[in-house]
Amino acid sequence: MRVLLPLLLVAIHVAAQPPVVEDSFRRLRRLRTDIGDQYAALKEQEEYALKPREEKMLILFDKGEKKFEGKAIDGPKVVETILKWDQVNQDPPTEAGKRVLAELPGVLFRRYAQAIEIPKDRREVSLKLCDALDSDFPLVRGAAFEALKKVYRTPSGFMYNVDMSKKERQDPIKSWKNYVKKQK
């Protein structure tokens, strides 16, 4: 009897067939795709976590979020926060500051120029941008100017040039403010 039990176990083991797996290559490809997607999502979350607060605010505003850090966000608050940010108001701005200034015109274009209905706070945002046209920092002036041109789709920009002296900028800035005040 002692000899039969091991022989029986060996016979059962030899007779056992592995489960039939159909489309194992397709399943493997799907697994590889899922792992790649999860990796990309985690990498994006990690990159987002490393961004400064102001850049996170701009990203969420672009996505249409209504709150940031538990507080309501809107266009005027986002523009004011970015334009008063110390990493932007230095010469030269930090890399994060440059990224945010480069993204600002596109975000404002999507929120205020591509909308079917003109948002109520467009004038307030635009007036803040008009004030930024007189900034001491050329990249801030450039971002504000590009944002205004995109929001109002005005290619000429009322003869404003980022490289103008403070005195030369005054008339184009007045023209921008008058134009903004006349708009809805």
C-alpha atoms as a PDB file:
ATOM      1  CA  MET A   1       0.000   0.000   0.000  1.00  0.00           C
ATOM      2  CA  ARG A   2       2.891   2.314   0.751  1.00  0.00           C
ATOM      3  CA  VAL A   3       4.195   1.894  -2.786  1.00  0.00           C
ATOM      4  CA  LEU A   4       0.819   2.471  -4.397  1.00  0.00           C
ATOM      5  CA  LEU A   5       0.182   5.866  -2.846  1.00  0.00           C
ATOM      6  CA  PRO A   6       3.290   7.526  -4.317  1.00  0.00           C
ATOM      7  CA  LEU A   7       2.632   5.853  -7.669  1.00  0.00           C
ATOM      8  CA  LEU A   8      -0.932   7.119  -7.600  1.00  0.00           C
ATOM      9  CA  LEU A   9       0.255  10.665  -6.860  1.00  0.00           C
ATOM     10  CA  VAL A  10       2.790  10.486  -9.709  1.00  0.00           C
ATOM     11  CA  ALA A  11       0.101   9.152 -12.084  1.00  0.00           C
ATOM     12  CA  ILE A  12      -2.287  11.961 -11.156  1.00  0.00           C
ATOM     13  CA  HIS A  13       0.462  14.516 -11.674  1.00  0.00           C
ATOM     14  CA  VAL A  14       1.402  13.101 -15.106  1.00  0.00           C
ATOM     15  CA  ALA A  15      -2.217  12.896 -16.251  1.00  0.00           C
ATOM     16  CA  ALA A  16      -2.987  16.466 -15.228  1.00  0.00           C
ATOM     17  CA  GLN A  17      -3.235  18.900 -18.110  1.00  0.00           C
ATOM     18  CA  PRO A  18      -2.576  22.632 -17.730  1.00  0.00           C
ATOM     19  CA  PRO A  19      -5.625  24.810 -18.192  1.00  0.00           C
ATOM     20  CA  VAL A  20      -6.223  25.844 -21.774  1.00  0.00           C
ATOM     21  CA  VAL A  21      -5.541  29.541 -22.242  1.00  0.00           C
ATOM     22  CA  GLU A  22      -6.914  31.064 -25.400  1.00  0.00           C
ATOM     23  CA  ASP A  23      -5.504  34.311 -26.759  1.00  0.00           C
ATOM     24  CA  SER A  24      -2.676  34.383 -24.268  1.00  0.00           C
ATOM     25  CA  PHE A  25      -0.747  36.804 -26.494  1.00  0.00           C
ATOM     26  CA  ARG A  26      -3.713  39.171 -26.624  1.00  0.00           C
ATOM     27  CA  ARG A  27      -4.016  39.049 -22.841  1.00  0.00           C
ATOM     28  CA  LEU A  28      -0.291  39.690 -22.518  1.00  0.00           C
ATOM     29  CA  ARG A  29      -0.539  42.697 -24.843  1.00  0.00           C
ATOM     30  CA  ARG A  30      -3.482  44.062 -22.832  1.00  0.00           C
ATOM     31  CA  LEU A  31      -1.525  43.562 -19.614  1.00  0.00           C
ATOM     32  CA  ARG A  32       1.449  45.389 -21.102  1.00  0.00           C
ATOM     33  CA  THR A  33      -0.812  48.261 -22.228  1.00  0.00           C
ATOM     34  CA  ASP A  34      -2.475  48.470 -18.804  1.00  0.00           C
ATOM     35  CA  ILE A  35       0.884  48.580 -17.050  1.00  0.00           C
ATOM     36  CA  GLY A  36       2.074  51.280 -19.461  1.00  0.00           C
ATOM     37  CA  ASP A  37      -1.070  53.345 -18.824  1.00  0.00           C
ATOM     38  CA  GLN A  38      -0.691  52.991 -15.059  1.00  0.00           C
ATOM     39  CA  TYR A  39       2.966  53.997 -15.294  1.00  0.00           C
ATOM     40  CA  ALA A  40       2.102  57.072 -17.364  1.00  0.00           C
ATOM     41  CA  ALA A  41      -0.652  58.078 -14.921  1.00  0.00           C
ATOM     42  CA  LEU A  42       1.658  57.689 -11.922  1.00  0.00           C
ATOM     43  CA  LYS A  43       4.418  59.631 -13.660  1.00  0.00           C
ATOM     44  CA  GLU A  44       1.958  62.429 -14.485  1.00  0.00           C
ATOM     45  CA  GLN A  45       0.792  62.510 -10.846  1.00  0.00           C
ATOM     46  CA  GLU A  46       4.395  62.691  -9.654  1.00  0.00           C
ATOM     47  CA  GLU A  47       5.237  65.514 -12.070  1.00  0.00           C
ATOM     48  CA  TYR A  48       2.096  67.400 -11.005  1.00  0.00           C
ATOM     49  CA  ALA A  49       3.025  67.012  -7.326  1.00  0.00           C
ATOM     50  CA  LEU A  50       6.437  68.582  -7.984  1.00  0.00           C
ATOM     51  CA  LYS A  51       4.977  71.673  -9.689  1.00  0.00           C
ATOM     52  CA  PRO A  52       4.714  74.942  -7.749  1.00  0.00           C
ATOM     53  CA  ARG A  53       1.364  76.003  -6.333  1.00  0.00           C
ATOM     54  CA  GLU A  54       0.722  78.687  -8.982  1.00  0.00           C
ATOM     55  CA  GLU A  55       1.295  76.271 -11.840  1.00  0.00           C
ATOM     56  CA  LYS A  56      -1.079  73.759 -10.263  1.00  0.00           C
ATOM     57  CA  MET A  57      -3.683  76.505  -9.979  1.00  0.00           C
ATOM     58  CA  LEU A  58      -3.313  77.372 -13.667  1.00  0.00           C
ATOM     59  CA  ILE A  59      -3.592  73.709 -14.685  1.00  0.00           C
ATOM     60  CA  LEU A  60      -6.771  73.207 -12.668  1.00  0.00           C
ATOM     61  CA  PHE A  61      -8.251  76.462 -13.981  1.00  0.00           C
ATOM     62  CA  ASP A  62      -7.547  75.278 -17.530  1.00  0.00           C
ATOM     63  CA  LYS A  63      -9.342  72.001 -16.793  1.00  0.00           C
ATOM     64  CA  GLY A  64     -12.392  73.954 -15.615  1.00  0.00           C
ATOM     65  CA  GLU A  65     -12.093  73.185 -11.917  1.00  0.00           C
ATOM     66  CA  LYS A  66     -13.978  75.523  -9.598  1.00  0.00           C
ATOM     67  CA  LYS A  67     -11.864  74.946  -6.482  1.00  0.00           C
ATOM     68  CA  PHE A  68      -8.179  74.873  -5.644  1.00  0.00           C
ATOM     69  CA  GLU A  69      -6.924  73.924  -2.197  1.00  0.00           C
ATOM     70  CA  GLY A  70     -10.508  74.055  -0.925  1.00  0.00           C
ATOM     71  CA  LYS A  71     -11.063  77.638  -2.117  1.00  0.00           C
ATOM     72  CA  ALA A  72     -12.970  78.907  -5.136  1.00  0.00           C
ATOM     73  CA  ILE A  73     -10.852  79.904  -8.123  1.00  0.00           C
ATOM     74  CA  ASP A  74     -11.782  82.121 -11.027  1.00  0.00           C
ATOM     75  CA  GLY A  75      -9.984  83.962 -13.791  1.00  0.00           C
ATOM     76  CA  PRO A  76      -9.193  87.173 -11.905  1.00  0.00           C
ATOM     77  CA  LYS A  77      -7.800  85.262  -8.934  1.00  0.00           C
ATOM     78  CA  VAL A  78      -5.633  83.048 -11.150  1.00  0.00           C
ATOM     79  CA  VAL A  79      -4.260  85.960 -13.199  1.00  0.00           C
ATOM     80  CA  GLU A  80      -3.592  88.066 -10.106  1.00  0.00           C
ATOM     81  CA  THR A  81      -1.845  85.191  -8.327  1.00  0.00           C
ATOM     82  CA  ILE A  82       0.392  84.465 -11.302  1.00  0.00           C
ATOM     83  CA  LEU A  83       1.236  88.101 -12.022  1.00  0.00           C
ATOM     84  CA  LYS A  84       2.166  88.739  -8.374  1.00  0.00           C
ATOM     85  CA  TRP A  85       4.158  85.507  -8.029  1.00  0.00           C
ATOM     86  CA  ASP A  86       7.756  86.177  -6.920  1.00  0.00           C
ATOM     87  CA  GLN A  87       9.178  83.565  -9.333  1.00  0.00           C
ATOM     88  CA  VAL A  88       7.691  85.565 -12.215  1.00  0.00           C
ATOM     89  CA  ASN A  89       8.567  89.018 -10.894  1.00  0.00           C
ATOM     90  CA  GLN A  90      12.315  88.706 -11.107  1.00  0.00           C
ATOM     91  CA  ASP A  91      14.790  89.078 -13.894  1.00  0.00           C
ATOM     92  CA  PRO A  92      15.151  86.446 -15.217  1.00  0.00           C
ATOM     93  CA  PRO A  93      12.173  84.414 -13.965  1.00  0.00           C
ATOM     94  CA  THR A  94      12.693  80.863 -12.749  1.00  0.00           C
ATOM     95  CA  GLU A  95      12.033  77.933 -15.071  1.00  0.00           C
ATOM     96  CA  ALA A  96       8.659  77.360 -13.408  1.00  0.00           C
ATOM     97  CA  GLY A  97       7.860  81.044 -13.842  1.00  0.00           C
ATOM     98  CA  LYS A  98       8.734  80.891 -17.528  1.00  0.00           C
ATOM     99  CA  ARG A  99       6.543  77.802 -17.979  1.00  0.00           C
ATOM    100  CA  VAL A 100       3.574  79.471 -16.315  1.00  0.00           C
ATOM    101  CA  LEU A 101       3.979  82.693 -18.303  1.00  0.00           C
ATOM    102  CA  ALA A 102       4.220  80.683 -21.521  1.00  0.00           C
ATOM    103  CA  GLU A 103       1.030  78.740 -20.692  1.00  0.00           C
ATOM    104  CA  LEU A 104      -1.039  81.701 -19.479  1.00  0.00           C
ATOM    105  CA  PRO A 105      -2.062  83.101 -22.919  1.00  0.00           C
ATOM    106  CA  GLY A 106      -3.212  79.691 -24.148  1.00  0.00           C
ATOM    107  CA  VAL A 107      -5.228  78.995 -21.014  1.00  0.00           C
ATOM    108  CA  LEU A 108      -6.925  82.397 -21.159  1.00  0.00           C
ATOM    109  CA  PHE A 109      -7.623  81.908 -24.874  1.00  0.00           C
ATOM    110  CA  ARG A 110      -9.360  78.603 -24.187  1.00  0.00           C
ATOM    111  CA  ARG A 111     -11.361  80.026 -21.288  1.00  0.00           C
ATOM    112  CA  TYR A 112     -12.311  83.431 -22.723  1.00  0.00           C
ATOM    113  CA  ALA A 113     -12.036  83.395 -26.524  1.00  0.00           C
ATOM    114  CA  GLN A 114     -13.202  79.890 -27.441  1.00  0.00           C
ATOM    115  CA  ALA A 115     -16.200  79.897 -25.128  1.00  0.00           C
ATOM    116  CA  ILE A 116     -19.623  79.976 -26.758  1.00  0.00           C
ATOM    117  CA  GLU A 117     -20.813  82.464 -24.174  1.00  0.00           C
ATOM    118  CA  ILE A 118     -18.436  85.186 -22.985  1.00  0.00           C
ATOM    119  CA  PRO A 119     -17.622  84.648 -19.302  1.00  0.00           C
ATOM    120  CA  LYS A 120     -18.658  87.490 -17.010  1.00  0.00           C
ATOM    121  CA  ASP A 121     -15.206  87.937 -15.526  1.00  0.00           C
ATOM    122  CA  ARG A 122     -13.417  88.461 -18.864  1.00  0.00           C
ATOM    123  CA  ARG A 123     -13.298  92.250 -18.425  1.00  0.00           C
ATOM    124  CA  GLU A 124     -11.813  91.977 -14.929  1.00  0.00           C
ATOM    125  CA  VAL A 125      -9.177  89.502 -16.137  1.00  0.00           C
ATOM    126  CA  SER A 126      -8.374  91.717 -19.116  1.00  0.00           C
ATOM    127  CA  LEU A 127      -7.946  94.822 -16.984  1.00  0.00           C
ATOM    128  CA  LYS A 128      -5.478  92.946 -14.774  1.00  0.00           C
ATOM    129  CA  LEU A 129      -3.602  91.979 -17.935  1.00  0.00           C
ATOM    130  CA  CYS A 130      -3.661  95.620 -19.088  1.00  0.00           C
ATOM    131  CA  ASP A 131      -2.050  96.618 -15.800  1.00  0.00           C
ATOM    132  CA  ALA A 132       0.605  93.938 -16.360  1.00  0.00           C
ATOM    133  CA  LEU A 133       1.503  95.576 -19.690  1.00  0.00           C
ATOM    134  CA  ASP A 134       3.336  98.181 -17.604  1.00  0.00           C
ATOM    135  CA  SER A 135       5.301  95.634 -15.551  1.00  0.00           C
ATOM    136  CA  ASP A 136       9.001  96.123 -14.947  1.00  0.00           C
ATOM    137  CA  PHE A 137       9.675  92.592 -16.234  1.00  0.00           C
ATOM    138  CA  PRO A 138       9.627  91.950 -19.996  1.00  0.00           C
ATOM    139  CA  LEU A 139       8.394  88.349 -19.787  1.00  0.00           C
ATOM    140  CA  VAL A 140       5.402  89.429 -17.696  1.00  0.00           C
ATOM    141  CA  ARG A 141       4.605  92.176 -20.213  1.00  0.00           C
ATOM    142  CA  GLY A 142       4.980  89.704 -23.070  1.00  0.00           C
ATOM    143  CA  ALA A 143       2.668  87.120 -21.493  1.00  0.00           C
ATOM    144  CA  ALA A 144       0.033  89.762 -20.714  1.00  0.00           C
ATOM    145  CA  PHE A 145       0.247  91.153 -24.242  1.00  0.00           C
ATOM    146  CA  GLU A 146      -0.047  87.740 -25.877  1.00  0.00           C
ATOM    147  CA  ALA A 147      -2.981  86.855 -23.625  1.00  0.00           C
ATOM    148  CA  LEU A 148      -4.841  90.064 -24.515  1.00  0.00           C
ATOM    149  CA  LYS A 149      -4.227  89.547 -28.233  1.00  0.00           C
ATOM    150  CA  LYS A 150      -5.523  85.985 -28.024  1.00  0.00           C
ATOM    151  CA  VAL A 151      -8.545  86.754 -25.856  1.00  0.00           C
ATOM    152  CA  TYR A 152      -9.710  89.612 -28.104  1.00  0.00           C
ATOM    153  CA  ARG A 153      -8.250  88.274 -31.357  1.00  0.00           C
ATOM    154  CA  THR A 154      -6.512  91.550 -32.156  1.00  0.00           C
ATOM    155  CA  PRO A 155      -3.331  90.928 -34.134  1.00  0.00           C
ATOM    156  CA  SER A 156      -2.120  94.558 -34.078  1.00  0.00           C
ATOM    157  CA  GLY A 157      -2.251  94.976 -30.326  1.00  0.00           C
ATOM    158  CA  PHE A 158      -2.806  98.748 -30.509  1.00  0.00           C
ATOM    159  CA  MET A 159       0.820  99.342 -31.474  1.00  0.00           C
ATOM    160  CA  TYR A 160       2.070  98.013 -28.170  1.00  0.00           C
ATOM    161  CA  ASN A 161       5.559  96.569 -28.103  1.00  0.00           C
ATOM    162  CA  VAL A 162       7.046  94.714 -25.140  1.00  0.00           C
ATOM    163  CA  ASP A 163      10.393  96.471 -25.613  1.00  0.00           C
ATOM    164  CA  MET A 164       8.974 100.013 -25.383  1.00  0.00           C
ATOM    165  CA  SER A 165      10.130 102.335 -22.632  1.00  0.00           C
ATOM    166  CA  LYS A 166       7.804 103.018 -19.732  1.00  0.00           C
ATOM    167  CA  LYS A 167       6.770 106.375 -21.227  1.00  0.00           C
ATOM    168  CA  GLU A 168       6.214 104.943 -24.722  1.00  0.00           C
ATOM    169  CA  ARG A 169       3.975 102.187 -23.321  1.00  0.00           C
ATOM    170  CA  GLN A 170       1.441 104.567 -21.756  1.00  0.00           C
ATOM    171  CA  ASP A 171      -0.606 105.387 -24.888  1.00  0.00           C
ATOM    172  CA  PRO A 172      -0.954 101.774 -26.103  1.00  0.00           C
ATOM    173  CA  ILE A 173      -1.909 100.698 -22.566  1.00  0.00           C
ATOM    174  CA  LYS A 174      -4.637 103.380 -22.472  1.00  0.00           C
ATOM    175  CA  SER A 175      -5.852 102.144 -25.870  1.00  0.00           C
ATOM    176  CA  TRP A 176      -6.007  98.581 -24.542  1.00  0.00           C
ATOM    177  CA  LYS A 177      -7.913  99.654 -21.419  1.00  0.00           C
ATOM    178  CA  ASN A 178     -10.415 101.686 -23.453  1.00  0.00           C
ATOM    179  CA  TYR A 179     -10.917  98.780 -25.836  1.00  0.00           C
ATOM    180  CA  VAL A 180     -11.446  96.314 -22.975  1.00  0.00           C
ATOM    181  CA  LYS A 181     -13.943  98.593 -21.234  1.00  0.00           C
ATOM    182  CA  LYS A 182     -16.016  98.848 -24.453  1.00  0.00           C
ATOM    183  CA  GLN A 183     -16.281  95.077 -24.797  1.00  0.00           C
ATOM    184  CA  LYS A 184     -18.952  92.933 -23.165  1.00  0.00           C
END
